[in-house]
N, C-alpha and C. Protein backbone atom coordinates (compact mmCIF):
# COMPACT_ATOMS: atom_id res chain seq x y z
N GLY A 1 121.04 88.49 82.81
CA GLY A 1 121.46 89.80 82.39
C GLY A 1 122.27 90.43 83.48
N GLY A 2 123.22 91.29 83.03
CA GLY A 2 123.95 92.07 83.98
C GLY A 2 125.32 91.41 84.35
N GLY A 3 125.56 90.28 83.89
CA GLY A 3 126.90 89.65 84.20
C GLY A 3 126.74 88.52 85.22
N ALA A 4 127.81 87.95 85.54
CA ALA A 4 127.82 86.77 86.46
C ALA A 4 127.66 87.24 87.91
N ARG A 5 127.21 86.26 88.71
CA ARG A 5 127.08 86.64 90.17
C ARG A 5 128.42 86.66 90.78
N TYR A 6 128.68 87.60 91.62
CA TYR A 6 129.98 87.69 92.30
C TYR A 6 129.78 87.42 93.80
N PRO A 7 130.91 87.08 94.44
CA PRO A 7 130.85 86.80 95.90
C PRO A 7 130.46 88.11 96.63
N TYR A 8 129.57 87.85 97.69
CA TYR A 8 129.13 89.09 98.38
C TYR A 8 129.16 88.66 99.88
N PRO A 9 129.23 89.67 100.73
CA PRO A 9 129.38 89.41 102.15
C PRO A 9 128.04 88.82 102.75
N LYS A 10 128.16 87.73 103.43
CA LYS A 10 126.99 87.01 103.99
C LYS A 10 126.44 87.72 105.24
N GLU A 11 127.30 88.55 105.92
CA GLU A 11 126.85 89.17 107.18
C GLU A 11 126.11 90.41 106.96
N VAL A 12 125.90 90.89 105.82
CA VAL A 12 125.15 92.10 105.49
C VAL A 12 123.65 91.79 105.46
N TRP A 13 122.83 92.49 106.26
CA TRP A 13 121.41 92.30 106.24
C TRP A 13 120.75 93.36 105.42
N SER A 14 119.69 93.09 104.73
CA SER A 14 119.05 94.11 103.94
C SER A 14 117.49 93.79 104.08
N PRO A 15 116.75 94.89 104.35
CA PRO A 15 115.29 94.64 104.39
C PRO A 15 114.68 94.31 103.07
N ALA A 16 115.35 94.61 101.93
CA ALA A 16 114.86 94.23 100.71
C ALA A 16 115.27 92.80 100.31
N GLY A 17 115.98 92.14 101.11
CA GLY A 17 116.31 90.72 100.83
C GLY A 17 117.70 90.52 100.44
N GLY A 18 118.48 91.54 100.14
CA GLY A 18 119.92 91.36 99.80
C GLY A 18 120.06 90.98 98.33
N TRP A 19 121.20 90.40 98.08
CA TRP A 19 121.58 90.16 96.70
C TRP A 19 120.81 88.98 96.13
N TRP A 20 120.34 89.09 94.90
CA TRP A 20 119.72 88.02 94.06
C TRP A 20 118.62 87.20 94.85
N THR A 21 117.71 87.91 95.36
CA THR A 21 116.63 87.18 96.14
C THR A 21 115.61 86.69 95.18
N ARG A 22 115.10 85.50 95.49
CA ARG A 22 113.99 84.92 94.82
C ARG A 22 113.16 84.13 95.82
N PRO A 23 112.33 84.79 96.65
CA PRO A 23 111.61 84.08 97.65
C PRO A 23 110.67 83.02 97.02
N SER A 24 110.60 81.87 97.71
CA SER A 24 109.83 80.72 97.16
C SER A 24 108.34 81.06 97.26
N ASN A 25 107.95 81.90 98.24
CA ASN A 25 106.56 82.21 98.36
C ASN A 25 106.10 83.56 97.85
N TRP A 26 106.74 83.92 96.68
CA TRP A 26 106.35 85.21 96.13
C TRP A 26 104.95 85.24 95.64
N LYS A 27 104.36 84.14 95.17
CA LYS A 27 102.93 84.24 94.80
C LYS A 27 102.02 84.50 95.97
N SER A 28 102.23 83.76 97.11
CA SER A 28 101.31 84.03 98.16
C SER A 28 101.55 85.46 98.81
N ASN A 29 102.76 85.98 98.76
CA ASN A 29 103.11 87.32 99.22
C ASN A 29 102.29 88.32 98.37
N THR A 30 102.34 88.12 97.09
CA THR A 30 101.65 88.96 96.10
C THR A 30 100.16 88.91 96.35
N ALA A 31 99.59 87.76 96.52
CA ALA A 31 98.17 87.65 96.83
C ALA A 31 97.75 88.29 98.10
N ILE A 32 98.54 88.25 99.09
CA ILE A 32 98.26 88.83 100.37
C ILE A 32 98.23 90.37 100.20
N VAL A 33 99.29 90.90 99.59
CA VAL A 33 99.31 92.37 99.37
C VAL A 33 98.19 92.82 98.45
N PHE A 34 97.89 92.09 97.45
CA PHE A 34 96.75 92.52 96.52
C PHE A 34 95.49 92.51 97.31
N ALA A 35 95.21 91.45 98.18
CA ALA A 35 94.02 91.45 98.99
C ALA A 35 94.00 92.71 99.95
N GLY A 36 95.14 93.04 100.50
CA GLY A 36 95.11 94.21 101.39
C GLY A 36 94.84 95.51 100.61
N ILE A 37 95.35 95.63 99.44
CA ILE A 37 95.11 96.83 98.63
C ILE A 37 93.67 96.90 98.30
N LEU A 38 93.03 95.76 97.91
CA LEU A 38 91.61 95.68 97.60
C LEU A 38 90.76 96.05 98.82
N ALA A 39 91.15 95.62 99.98
CA ALA A 39 90.41 95.96 101.24
C ALA A 39 90.43 97.46 101.49
N VAL A 40 91.63 98.01 101.44
CA VAL A 40 91.75 99.46 101.64
C VAL A 40 90.97 100.23 100.61
N ALA A 41 91.05 99.83 99.35
CA ALA A 41 90.35 100.52 98.23
C ALA A 41 88.79 100.52 98.54
N TYR A 42 88.33 99.31 98.88
CA TYR A 42 86.86 99.18 99.20
C TYR A 42 86.44 100.06 100.39
N GLY A 43 87.33 100.14 101.37
CA GLY A 43 86.95 101.04 102.54
C GLY A 43 86.95 102.52 102.10
N VAL A 44 87.93 102.91 101.31
CA VAL A 44 87.93 104.32 100.81
C VAL A 44 86.73 104.54 99.96
N PHE A 45 86.36 103.66 99.10
CA PHE A 45 85.25 103.83 98.23
C PHE A 45 83.90 103.90 99.06
N THR A 46 83.79 103.08 100.06
CA THR A 46 82.58 103.09 100.91
C THR A 46 82.46 104.43 101.63
N VAL A 47 83.51 104.90 102.29
CA VAL A 47 83.48 106.07 102.99
C VAL A 47 83.12 107.30 102.07
N SER A 48 83.79 107.28 100.84
CA SER A 48 83.62 108.36 99.84
C SER A 48 82.15 108.31 99.40
N ALA A 49 81.53 107.20 99.15
CA ALA A 49 80.15 107.15 98.67
C ALA A 49 79.14 107.64 99.74
N ASP A 50 79.57 107.30 101.00
CA ASP A 50 78.67 107.80 102.18
C ASP A 50 78.71 109.30 102.30
N LYS A 51 79.85 109.84 102.06
CA LYS A 51 80.07 111.36 102.32
C LYS A 51 79.71 112.23 101.14
N GLU A 52 79.54 111.63 99.93
CA GLU A 52 79.36 112.42 98.79
C GLU A 52 78.01 113.24 98.74
N LYS A 53 78.12 114.47 98.55
CA LYS A 53 76.96 115.36 98.48
C LYS A 53 77.12 116.28 97.25
N ARG A 54 76.04 116.44 96.57
CA ARG A 54 76.05 117.33 95.36
C ARG A 54 75.24 118.55 95.64
N LEU A 55 75.89 119.70 95.48
CA LEU A 55 75.17 120.99 95.70
C LEU A 55 74.34 121.33 94.52
N VAL A 56 74.86 120.98 93.33
CA VAL A 56 74.15 121.24 92.05
C VAL A 56 73.76 119.89 91.52
N GLN A 57 72.43 119.63 91.43
CA GLN A 57 71.94 118.31 90.94
C GLN A 57 72.26 118.14 89.52
N PRO A 58 72.66 116.99 89.10
CA PRO A 58 72.99 116.66 87.65
C PRO A 58 71.73 116.73 86.81
N ILE A 59 71.88 117.16 85.59
CA ILE A 59 70.76 117.20 84.64
C ILE A 59 70.36 115.83 84.21
N ARG A 60 71.36 114.99 83.99
CA ARG A 60 71.09 113.62 83.53
C ARG A 60 71.79 112.65 84.44
N PRO A 61 71.41 111.39 84.48
CA PRO A 61 72.03 110.36 85.41
C PRO A 61 73.53 110.29 85.15
N ILE A 62 74.20 110.15 86.38
CA ILE A 62 75.69 109.97 86.26
C ILE A 62 75.96 108.69 87.04
N PRO A 63 77.13 108.01 86.79
CA PRO A 63 77.38 106.72 87.41
C PRO A 63 77.33 106.72 88.89
N SER A 64 77.83 107.80 89.52
CA SER A 64 77.87 107.72 91.02
C SER A 64 76.49 107.74 91.68
N MET A 65 75.47 108.04 90.90
CA MET A 65 74.16 108.04 91.44
C MET A 65 73.70 106.60 91.86
N ARG A 66 74.32 105.59 91.31
CA ARG A 66 74.00 104.19 91.59
C ARG A 66 74.40 103.77 93.02
N TRP A 67 75.50 104.39 93.51
CA TRP A 67 75.97 103.94 94.84
C TRP A 67 76.02 105.01 95.88
N THR A 68 75.69 106.23 95.58
CA THR A 68 75.73 107.34 96.59
C THR A 68 74.53 107.31 97.44
N ARG A 69 74.74 107.50 98.75
CA ARG A 69 73.69 107.49 99.71
C ARG A 69 72.56 108.52 99.40
N GLU A 70 72.90 109.65 99.02
CA GLU A 70 72.02 110.69 98.74
C GLU A 70 70.91 110.27 97.74
N TYR A 71 71.33 109.62 96.60
CA TYR A 71 70.35 109.18 95.61
C TYR A 71 69.67 107.89 95.98
N LYS A 72 70.30 107.08 96.74
CA LYS A 72 69.68 105.77 97.18
C LYS A 72 68.47 106.20 98.12
N GLU A 73 68.69 107.19 99.01
CA GLU A 73 67.58 107.57 99.92
C GLU A 73 66.48 108.12 99.17
N GLN A 74 66.64 108.92 98.06
CA GLN A 74 65.64 109.55 97.29
C GLN A 74 64.84 108.51 96.57
N LYS A 75 65.57 107.41 96.11
CA LYS A 75 64.97 106.33 95.35
C LYS A 75 64.07 105.52 96.35
N ASP A 76 64.52 105.24 97.48
CA ASP A 76 63.76 104.47 98.52
C ASP A 76 62.51 105.21 98.95
N ALA A 77 62.62 106.52 99.08
CA ALA A 77 61.49 107.40 99.55
C ALA A 77 60.43 107.56 98.51
N ALA A 78 60.81 107.39 97.22
CA ALA A 78 59.85 107.58 96.11
C ALA A 78 59.01 106.41 95.89
């Protein structure tokens, strides 16, 4: 799509890879980035669950009660 490839200057460097890039290791690059995103998301989730406090207690069970420290400590004490 987009027409034929045209001659381009070889001395131009681009952080994005330049013209018509197709890195041979795109699958491993994608896997590494995906693993990094998962690690950061897990860290954010863990810190958020540790810091969560509810000033008004819920009337019925809510999903975050399964992993929040506040409710885990109540369950262990009971």
